[in-house]
Amino acid sequence: MLEKKIVGVVVGSNDPEAHQKSFQEGEQVAKLIDDFGEFEACLIEIGKGPWLLHYDDSKATFDKEKFGTIIRRRRVKPDSVLILTKGKVGETGELQEYFDKMGVPSQDLEWRIRDKPLTNLNVTKYSKVRVFPPLAHISSTTASLLLRIFLIRLRKCLDFLA
């Protein structure tokens, strides 16, 4: 049986209140991803301290150089990330640059989809595509449907990169 691809939901902020809100939204999104059935989800919590990866009711320090961690004797390494951070922590472009450097497809809060063009060029193509607005402003049914659309697009991207 093939292992499911892992989507890392990146959450956090330097502001404690915004950090908590981002974490809660990330948990909701991770549940929707898991419920979709084709992918597994983990949370990557960032902020003022070390990055943490939450997976399967456990958490461990995230190794930024190896892009992953070990949880319950299993190497957990997200195949793609969805950035749901709040505030400056996700607005500087540093996160996006990091994920690009690590070769991990990412989508940020403004829903700019990053995918590889169908050429041999090692260039990242950016296209602004509004997938869905911030989760707090839509119903759970709409969020579920729109996340399903995102995950179908993600599947195509990951199949292409494999």
N, C-alpha and C. Protein backbone atom coordinates (compact mmCIF):
# COMPACT_ATOMS: atom_id res chain seq x y z
N MET A 1 0.85 -1.19 0.00
CA MET A 1 0.00 0.00 0.00
C MET A 1 0.89 1.25 0.00
N LEU A 2 0.58 2.17 -0.87
CA LEU A 2 1.34 3.41 -0.94
C LEU A 2 0.99 4.32 0.24
N GLU A 3 2.03 4.98 0.75
CA GLU A 3 1.77 5.96 1.80
C GLU A 3 1.15 7.20 1.19
N LYS A 4 0.27 7.83 1.95
CA LYS A 4 -0.35 9.07 1.48
C LYS A 4 0.66 10.20 1.55
N LYS A 5 0.53 11.14 0.63
CA LYS A 5 1.35 12.35 0.67
C LYS A 5 0.91 13.16 1.89
N ILE A 6 1.86 13.92 2.45
CA ILE A 6 1.59 14.71 3.65
C ILE A 6 1.56 16.19 3.29
N VAL A 7 0.48 16.86 3.69
CA VAL A 7 0.35 18.30 3.53
C VAL A 7 0.66 18.94 4.87
N GLY A 8 1.66 19.80 4.90
CA GLY A 8 2.00 20.54 6.11
C GLY A 8 1.23 21.84 6.15
N VAL A 9 0.44 22.03 7.17
CA VAL A 9 -0.31 23.27 7.35
C VAL A 9 0.53 24.16 8.27
N VAL A 10 1.09 25.22 7.71
CA VAL A 10 1.99 26.09 8.46
C VAL A 10 1.16 27.14 9.20
N VAL A 11 1.30 27.18 10.52
CA VAL A 11 0.52 28.09 11.36
C VAL A 11 1.45 28.85 12.29
N GLY A 12 0.94 29.97 12.81
CA GLY A 12 1.68 30.69 13.82
C GLY A 12 1.74 32.18 13.58
N SER A 13 2.29 32.87 14.56
CA SER A 13 2.47 34.32 14.53
C SER A 13 3.39 34.68 15.68
N ASN A 14 3.95 35.87 15.62
CA ASN A 14 4.73 36.37 16.75
C ASN A 14 3.84 36.96 17.83
N ASP A 15 2.59 37.28 17.50
CA ASP A 15 1.61 37.80 18.45
C ASP A 15 0.86 36.61 19.07
N PRO A 16 0.85 36.48 20.40
CA PRO A 16 0.23 35.30 21.04
C PRO A 16 -1.23 35.07 20.66
N GLU A 17 -2.03 36.13 20.59
CA GLU A 17 -3.45 35.98 20.25
C GLU A 17 -3.61 35.52 18.80
N ALA A 18 -2.89 36.15 17.89
CA ALA A 18 -2.95 35.77 16.47
C ALA A 18 -2.39 34.36 16.28
N HIS A 19 -1.37 34.00 17.07
CA HIS A 19 -0.78 32.67 17.00
C HIS A 19 -1.83 31.61 17.32
N GLN A 20 -2.57 31.84 18.41
CA GLN A 20 -3.61 30.89 18.81
C GLN A 20 -4.69 30.76 17.75
N LYS A 21 -5.11 31.88 17.18
CA LYS A 21 -6.15 31.85 16.13
C LYS A 21 -5.65 31.10 14.91
N SER A 22 -4.41 31.36 14.51
CA SER A 22 -3.82 30.67 13.37
C SER A 22 -3.76 29.16 13.63
N PHE A 23 -3.36 28.80 14.85
CA PHE A 23 -3.26 27.38 15.22
C PHE A 23 -4.63 26.71 15.12
N GLN A 24 -5.67 27.38 15.65
CA GLN A 24 -7.02 26.81 15.61
C GLN A 24 -7.51 26.65 14.17
N GLU A 25 -7.28 27.65 13.32
CA GLU A 25 -7.67 27.53 11.92
C GLU A 25 -6.90 26.40 11.25
N GLY A 26 -5.62 26.28 11.59
CA GLY A 26 -4.81 25.21 11.03
C GLY A 26 -5.32 23.83 11.41
N GLU A 27 -5.76 23.68 12.66
CA GLU A 27 -6.33 22.40 13.09
C GLU A 27 -7.58 22.06 12.28
N GLN A 28 -8.42 23.07 12.01
CA GLN A 28 -9.62 22.85 11.21
C GLN A 28 -9.25 22.41 9.79
N VAL A 29 -8.29 23.09 9.21
CA VAL A 29 -7.87 22.75 7.85
C VAL A 29 -7.24 21.36 7.82
N ALA A 30 -6.42 21.04 8.80
CA ALA A 30 -5.79 19.70 8.86
C ALA A 30 -6.86 18.62 8.94
N LYS A 31 -7.91 18.86 9.71
CA LYS A 31 -9.00 17.89 9.81
C LYS A 31 -9.69 17.72 8.46
N LEU A 32 -9.94 18.83 7.77
CA LEU A 32 -10.57 18.74 6.44
C LEU A 32 -9.68 17.96 5.47
N ILE A 33 -8.38 18.18 5.54
CA ILE A 33 -7.45 17.46 4.66
C ILE A 33 -7.50 15.96 4.98
N ASP A 34 -7.46 15.63 6.26
CA ASP A 34 -7.53 14.21 6.66
C ASP A 34 -8.86 13.59 6.22
N ASP A 35 -9.96 14.35 6.40
CA ASP A 35 -11.28 13.85 6.02
C ASP A 35 -11.40 13.64 4.51
N PHE A 36 -10.66 14.40 3.73
CA PHE A 36 -10.67 14.26 2.28
C PHE A 36 -10.21 12.86 1.89
N GLY A 37 -9.30 12.29 2.67
CA GLY A 37 -8.92 10.90 2.51
C GLY A 37 -7.73 10.60 1.63
N GLU A 38 -7.31 11.49 0.78
CA GLU A 38 -6.20 11.21 -0.12
C GLU A 38 -4.85 11.64 0.42
N PHE A 39 -4.87 12.51 1.43
CA PHE A 39 -3.64 13.05 2.00
C PHE A 39 -3.70 12.93 3.52
N GLU A 40 -2.52 12.99 4.13
CA GLU A 40 -2.43 13.14 5.57
C GLU A 40 -2.05 14.59 5.83
N ALA A 41 -2.35 15.08 7.00
CA ALA A 41 -2.01 16.46 7.33
C ALA A 41 -1.18 16.51 8.61
N CYS A 42 -0.31 17.49 8.67
CA CYS A 42 0.42 17.78 9.90
C CYS A 42 0.42 19.30 10.05
N LEU A 43 0.62 19.77 11.25
CA LEU A 43 0.75 21.21 11.50
C LEU A 43 2.22 21.52 11.70
N ILE A 44 2.68 22.59 11.07
CA ILE A 44 4.02 23.10 11.32
C ILE A 44 3.82 24.43 12.02
N GLU A 45 4.12 24.45 13.31
CA GLU A 45 3.89 25.64 14.15
C GLU A 45 5.17 26.46 14.22
N ILE A 46 5.05 27.71 13.77
CA ILE A 46 6.21 28.60 13.80
C ILE A 46 5.88 29.83 14.62
N GLY A 47 6.89 30.51 15.08
CA GLY A 47 6.70 31.71 15.88
C GLY A 47 8.03 32.16 16.44
N LYS A 48 8.02 32.59 17.68
CA LYS A 48 9.24 33.12 18.30
C LYS A 48 10.23 32.02 18.68
N GLY A 49 9.76 30.82 18.97
CA GLY A 49 10.63 29.73 19.39
C GLY A 49 10.97 28.80 18.24
N PRO A 50 11.43 27.60 18.58
CA PRO A 50 11.73 26.63 17.52
C PRO A 50 10.44 26.18 16.83
N TRP A 51 10.57 25.79 15.58
CA TRP A 51 9.42 25.26 14.85
C TRP A 51 9.04 23.91 15.44
N LEU A 52 7.73 23.63 15.49
CA LEU A 52 7.23 22.35 15.98
C LEU A 52 6.38 21.70 14.90
N LEU A 53 6.47 20.39 14.78
CA LEU A 53 5.62 19.65 13.86
C LEU A 53 4.66 18.81 14.69
N HIS A 54 3.36 18.99 14.46
CA HIS A 54 2.31 18.25 15.16
C HIS A 54 1.77 17.20 14.18
N TYR A 55 1.79 15.95 14.61
CA TYR A 55 1.33 14.87 13.73
C TYR A 55 0.86 13.70 14.59
N ASP A 56 -0.30 13.17 14.27
CA ASP A 56 -0.79 11.96 14.94
C ASP A 56 -0.80 12.12 16.46
N ASP A 57 -1.35 13.21 16.94
CA ASP A 57 -1.46 13.50 18.38
C ASP A 57 -0.12 13.60 19.11
N SER A 58 0.95 13.85 18.37
CA SER A 58 2.27 14.05 18.96
C SER A 58 2.89 15.30 18.35
N LYS A 59 3.96 15.78 18.99
CA LYS A 59 4.68 16.90 18.40
C LYS A 59 6.16 16.74 18.69
N ALA A 60 6.96 17.33 17.78
CA ALA A 60 8.41 17.26 17.92
C ALA A 60 9.00 18.50 17.26
N THR A 61 10.22 18.83 17.62
CA THR A 61 10.91 19.96 17.00
C THR A 61 11.14 19.66 15.53
N PHE A 62 10.84 20.64 14.70
CA PHE A 62 10.97 20.50 13.25
C PHE A 62 12.40 20.83 12.84
N ASP A 63 13.05 19.92 12.13
CA ASP A 63 14.41 20.12 11.65
C ASP A 63 14.35 20.85 10.32
N LYS A 64 14.68 22.14 10.32
CA LYS A 64 14.57 22.95 9.10
C LYS A 64 15.58 22.54 8.03
N GLU A 65 16.72 21.99 8.42
CA GLU A 65 17.72 21.59 7.44
C GLU A 65 17.32 20.30 6.73
N LYS A 66 16.68 19.39 7.45
CA LYS A 66 16.24 18.12 6.85
C LYS A 66 14.79 18.17 6.41
N PHE A 67 14.13 19.28 6.69
CA PHE A 67 12.72 19.50 6.38
C PHE A 67 11.85 18.35 6.86
N GLY A 68 11.80 18.19 8.17
CA GLY A 68 10.95 17.18 8.76
C GLY A 68 11.38 16.87 10.17
N THR A 69 10.86 15.78 10.70
CA THR A 69 11.20 15.33 12.04
C THR A 69 10.86 13.86 12.18
N ILE A 70 11.20 13.30 13.30
CA ILE A 70 10.85 11.91 13.61
C ILE A 70 9.78 11.93 14.70
N ILE A 71 8.66 11.27 14.41
CA ILE A 71 7.59 11.13 15.40
C ILE A 71 7.20 9.66 15.43
N ARG A 72 7.25 9.07 16.61
CA ARG A 72 6.90 7.65 16.80
C ARG A 72 7.67 6.75 15.82
N ARG A 73 8.96 7.00 15.75
CA ARG A 73 9.89 6.23 14.91
C ARG A 73 9.56 6.30 13.42
N ARG A 74 8.84 7.33 13.03
CA ARG A 74 8.52 7.54 11.61
C ARG A 74 9.02 8.91 11.20
N ARG A 75 9.69 8.97 10.06
CA ARG A 75 10.14 10.25 9.51
C ARG A 75 8.92 10.94 8.90
N VAL A 76 8.61 12.13 9.40
CA VAL A 76 7.48 12.91 8.90
C VAL A 76 8.05 14.09 8.14
N LYS A 77 7.83 14.09 6.82
CA LYS A 77 8.35 15.13 5.94
C LYS A 77 7.23 15.55 5.00
N PRO A 78 6.67 16.75 5.18
CA PRO A 78 5.58 17.18 4.30
C PRO A 78 6.00 17.23 2.83
N ASP A 79 5.09 16.81 1.97
CA ASP A 79 5.33 16.85 0.52
C ASP A 79 4.95 18.20 -0.07
N SER A 80 4.12 18.94 0.63
CA SER A 80 3.71 20.29 0.23
C SER A 80 3.25 21.02 1.48
N VAL A 81 3.12 22.34 1.37
CA VAL A 81 2.67 23.11 2.53
C VAL A 81 1.61 24.13 2.14
N LEU A 82 0.75 24.39 3.09
CA LEU A 82 -0.28 25.40 2.98
C LEU A 82 -0.01 26.39 4.09
N ILE A 83 0.29 27.64 3.76
CA ILE A 83 0.71 28.63 4.75
C ILE A 83 -0.49 29.40 5.27
N LEU A 84 -0.76 29.26 6.57
CA LEU A 84 -1.89 29.94 7.22
C LEU A 84 -1.41 30.81 8.38
N THR A 85 -0.21 31.33 8.28
CA THR A 85 0.33 32.17 9.35
C THR A 85 -0.39 33.51 9.40
N LYS A 86 -0.23 34.19 10.51
CA LYS A 86 -0.82 35.52 10.71
C LYS A 86 0.30 36.53 10.97
N GLY A 87 0.12 37.73 10.47
CA GLY A 87 1.08 38.80 10.74
C GLY A 87 2.35 38.70 9.91
N LYS A 88 3.36 39.40 10.36
CA LYS A 88 4.60 39.54 9.61
C LYS A 88 5.33 38.23 9.38
N VAL A 89 5.12 37.25 10.24
CA VAL A 89 5.85 35.99 10.12
C VAL A 89 5.67 35.35 8.74
N GLY A 90 4.54 35.58 8.10
CA GLY A 90 4.31 35.00 6.78
C GLY A 90 4.26 36.01 5.66
N GLU A 91 4.49 37.29 5.97
CA GLU A 91 4.34 38.34 4.97
C GLU A 91 5.66 38.80 4.35
N THR A 92 6.77 38.40 4.91
CA THR A 92 8.06 38.91 4.43
C THR A 92 8.56 38.19 3.19
N GLY A 93 8.00 37.04 2.89
CA GLY A 93 8.47 36.24 1.77
C GLY A 93 9.54 35.24 2.16
N GLU A 94 10.03 35.33 3.40
CA GLU A 94 11.09 34.41 3.84
C GLU A 94 10.60 32.97 3.89
N LEU A 95 9.37 32.76 4.35
CA LEU A 95 8.83 31.40 4.39
C LEU A 95 8.74 30.82 2.99
N GLN A 96 8.19 31.61 2.07
CA GLN A 96 8.05 31.15 0.70
C GLN A 96 9.40 30.83 0.09
N GLU A 97 10.39 31.68 0.35
CA GLU A 97 11.75 31.43 -0.15
C GLU A 97 12.31 30.14 0.44
N TYR A 98 12.08 29.93 1.73
CA TYR A 98 12.56 28.71 2.38
C TYR A 98 11.95 27.47 1.72
N PHE A 99 10.61 27.48 1.53
CA PHE A 99 9.96 26.32 0.93
C PHE A 99 10.42 26.12 -0.51
N ASP A 100 10.61 27.20 -1.25
CA ASP A 100 11.15 27.09 -2.61
C ASP A 100 12.54 26.46 -2.59
N LYS A 101 13.37 26.91 -1.65
CA LYS A 101 14.74 26.39 -1.52
C LYS A 101 14.72 24.90 -1.20
N MET A 102 13.75 24.48 -0.38
CA MET A 102 13.65 23.07 0.00
C MET A 102 12.95 22.24 -1.09
N GLY A 103 12.46 22.89 -2.14
CA GLY A 103 11.79 22.18 -3.23
C GLY A 103 10.41 21.67 -2.87
N VAL A 104 9.74 22.38 -1.96
CA VAL A 104 8.43 21.96 -1.49
C VAL A 104 7.36 22.90 -2.06
N PRO A 105 6.39 22.35 -2.80
CA PRO A 105 5.30 23.19 -3.31
C PRO A 105 4.58 23.87 -2.15
N SER A 106 4.29 25.16 -2.30
CA SER A 106 3.63 25.88 -1.22
C SER A 106 2.55 26.78 -1.79
N GLN A 107 1.61 27.08 -0.94
CA GLN A 107 0.56 28.02 -1.26
C GLN A 107 0.42 28.91 -0.04
N ASP A 108 0.48 30.23 -0.24
CA ASP A 108 0.44 31.11 0.92
C ASP A 108 -0.96 31.63 1.18
N LEU A 109 -1.07 32.46 2.19
CA LEU A 109 -2.36 32.95 2.64
C LEU A 109 -3.09 33.74 1.57
N GLU A 110 -2.36 34.34 0.66
CA GLU A 110 -3.01 35.07 -0.43
C GLU A 110 -3.30 34.15 -1.61
N TRP A 111 -3.05 32.86 -1.42
CA TRP A 111 -3.41 31.83 -2.37
C TRP A 111 -2.73 31.98 -3.72
N ARG A 112 -1.44 32.31 -3.68
CA ARG A 112 -0.66 32.27 -4.91
C ARG A 112 -0.19 30.85 -5.08
N ILE A 113 -0.63 30.21 -6.12
CA ILE A 113 -0.24 28.83 -6.31
C ILE A 113 1.14 28.79 -6.94
N ARG A 114 2.02 27.97 -6.38
CA ARG A 114 3.35 27.78 -6.92
C ARG A 114 3.40 26.37 -7.50
N ASP A 115 3.68 26.28 -8.78
CA ASP A 115 3.82 24.96 -9.37
C ASP A 115 4.92 24.99 -10.40
N LYS A 116 5.36 23.84 -10.78
CA LYS A 116 6.43 23.74 -11.76
C LYS A 116 5.83 23.77 -13.15
N PRO A 117 6.38 24.60 -14.06
CA PRO A 117 5.88 24.62 -15.42
C PRO A 117 6.20 23.29 -16.12
N LEU A 118 5.48 22.99 -17.15
CA LEU A 118 5.68 21.75 -17.87
C LEU A 118 6.84 21.87 -18.85
N THR A 119 8.00 22.25 -18.33
CA THR A 119 9.22 22.35 -19.12
C THR A 119 10.36 21.81 -18.30
N ASN A 120 11.53 21.73 -18.89
CA ASN A 120 12.71 21.28 -18.15
C ASN A 120 13.37 22.42 -17.40
N LEU A 121 12.85 23.63 -17.54
CA LEU A 121 13.44 24.77 -16.85
C LEU A 121 13.22 24.64 -15.35
N ASN A 122 14.21 25.01 -14.58
CA ASN A 122 14.11 24.96 -13.13
C ASN A 122 13.60 26.31 -12.63
N VAL A 123 12.40 26.67 -13.04
CA VAL A 123 11.83 27.97 -12.74
C VAL A 123 10.50 27.75 -12.05
N THR A 124 10.21 28.56 -11.05
CA THR A 124 8.91 28.48 -10.38
C THR A 124 7.97 29.48 -11.04
N LYS A 125 6.81 29.01 -11.39
CA LYS A 125 5.81 29.86 -12.05
C LYS A 125 4.82 30.33 -10.99
N TYR A 126 4.57 31.62 -10.94
CA TYR A 126 3.63 32.18 -9.97
C TYR A 126 2.39 32.65 -10.72
N SER A 127 1.25 32.24 -10.23
CA SER A 127 0.01 32.75 -10.81
C SER A 127 -0.95 33.02 -9.66
N LYS A 128 -1.53 34.20 -9.64
CA LYS A 128 -2.48 34.52 -8.58
C LYS A 128 -3.82 33.87 -8.93
N VAL A 129 -4.22 32.93 -8.11
CA VAL A 129 -5.49 32.26 -8.28
C VAL A 129 -6.18 32.29 -6.93
N ARG A 130 -7.34 32.88 -6.86
CA ARG A 130 -8.05 32.96 -5.60
C ARG A 130 -8.78 31.64 -5.39
N VAL A 131 -8.27 30.82 -4.50
CA VAL A 131 -8.90 29.54 -4.23
C VAL A 131 -10.05 29.72 -3.25
N PHE A 132 -9.79 30.34 -2.13
CA PHE A 132 -10.87 30.69 -1.21
C PHE A 132 -10.40 31.72 -0.21
N PRO A 133 -11.33 32.50 0.36
CA PRO A 133 -10.98 33.55 1.30
C PRO A 133 -10.60 32.96 2.66
N PRO A 134 -10.15 33.83 3.60
CA PRO A 134 -9.82 33.32 4.93
C PRO A 134 -10.97 32.51 5.52
N LEU A 135 -10.64 31.44 6.21
CA LEU A 135 -11.64 30.48 6.68
C LEU A 135 -12.70 31.08 7.59
N ALA A 136 -12.36 32.09 8.34
CA ALA A 136 -13.32 32.65 9.29
C ALA A 136 -14.52 33.27 8.60
N HIS A 137 -14.41 33.58 7.31
CA HIS A 137 -15.47 34.29 6.60
C HIS A 137 -16.37 33.40 5.77
N ILE A 138 -16.20 32.08 5.82
CA ILE A 138 -17.03 31.20 5.01
C ILE A 138 -17.54 30.05 5.86
N SER A 139 -18.61 29.42 5.39
CA SER A 139 -19.18 28.30 6.14
C SER A 139 -18.29 27.08 6.03
N SER A 140 -18.47 26.14 6.95
CA SER A 140 -17.65 24.93 6.93
C SER A 140 -17.91 24.09 5.68
N THR A 141 -19.14 24.11 5.17
CA THR A 141 -19.45 23.37 3.95
C THR A 141 -18.70 23.96 2.77
N THR A 142 -18.71 25.29 2.66
CA THR A 142 -17.98 25.95 1.58
C THR A 142 -16.49 25.74 1.73
N ALA A 143 -15.98 25.84 2.95
CA ALA A 143 -14.56 25.61 3.19
C ALA A 143 -14.17 24.20 2.78
N SER A 144 -15.01 23.24 3.12
CA SER A 144 -14.73 21.85 2.78
C SER A 144 -14.68 21.65 1.26
N LEU A 145 -15.64 22.23 0.56
CA LEU A 145 -15.68 22.12 -0.90
C LEU A 145 -14.47 22.79 -1.53
N LEU A 146 -14.13 23.98 -1.08
CA LEU A 146 -13.01 24.71 -1.67
C LEU A 146 -11.68 24.04 -1.34
N LEU A 147 -11.57 23.49 -0.14
CA LEU A 147 -10.35 22.76 0.20
C LEU A 147 -10.24 21.51 -0.66
N ARG A 148 -11.34 20.88 -0.95
CA ARG A 148 -11.35 19.71 -1.84
C ARG A 148 -10.80 20.09 -3.22
N ILE A 149 -11.21 21.24 -3.74
CA ILE A 149 -10.70 21.73 -5.03
C ILE A 149 -9.19 21.94 -4.93
N PHE A 150 -8.75 22.58 -3.84
CA PHE A 150 -7.31 22.78 -3.64
C PHE A 150 -6.57 21.45 -3.62
N LEU A 151 -7.11 20.47 -2.91
CA LEU A 151 -6.43 19.19 -2.78
C LEU A 151 -6.38 18.44 -4.12
N ILE A 152 -7.38 18.59 -4.94
CA ILE A 152 -7.34 17.99 -6.27
C ILE A 152 -6.23 18.64 -7.09
N ARG A 153 -6.11 19.96 -7.01
CA ARG A 153 -5.01 20.66 -7.69
C ARG A 153 -3.66 20.22 -7.12
N LEU A 154 -3.61 20.05 -5.82
CA LEU A 154 -2.38 19.62 -5.16
C LEU A 154 -1.98 18.23 -5.65
N ARG A 155 -2.96 17.33 -5.76
CA ARG A 155 -2.69 15.99 -6.25
C ARG A 155 -2.03 16.04 -7.63
N LYS A 156 -2.57 16.88 -8.51
CA LYS A 156 -2.00 17.01 -9.86
C LYS A 156 -0.59 17.53 -9.81
N CYS A 157 -0.34 18.52 -8.94
CA CYS A 157 1.00 19.09 -8.80
C CYS A 157 1.97 18.04 -8.28
N LEU A 158 1.59 17.29 -7.24
CA LEU A 158 2.47 16.29 -6.65
C LEU A 158 2.70 15.14 -7.61
N ASP A 159 1.70 14.76 -8.39
CA ASP A 159 1.89 13.71 -9.38
C ASP A 159 2.90 14.15 -10.42
N PHE A 160 2.86 15.44 -10.80
CA PHE A 160 3.79 15.97 -11.78
C PHE A 160 5.22 15.99 -11.23
N LEU A 161 5.36 16.34 -9.94
CA LEU A 161 6.68 16.45 -9.35
C LEU A 161 7.29 15.08 -9.02
N ALA A 162 6.46 14.05 -8.92
CA ALA A 162 6.97 12.71 -8.54
C ALA A 162 7.85 12.09 -9.60
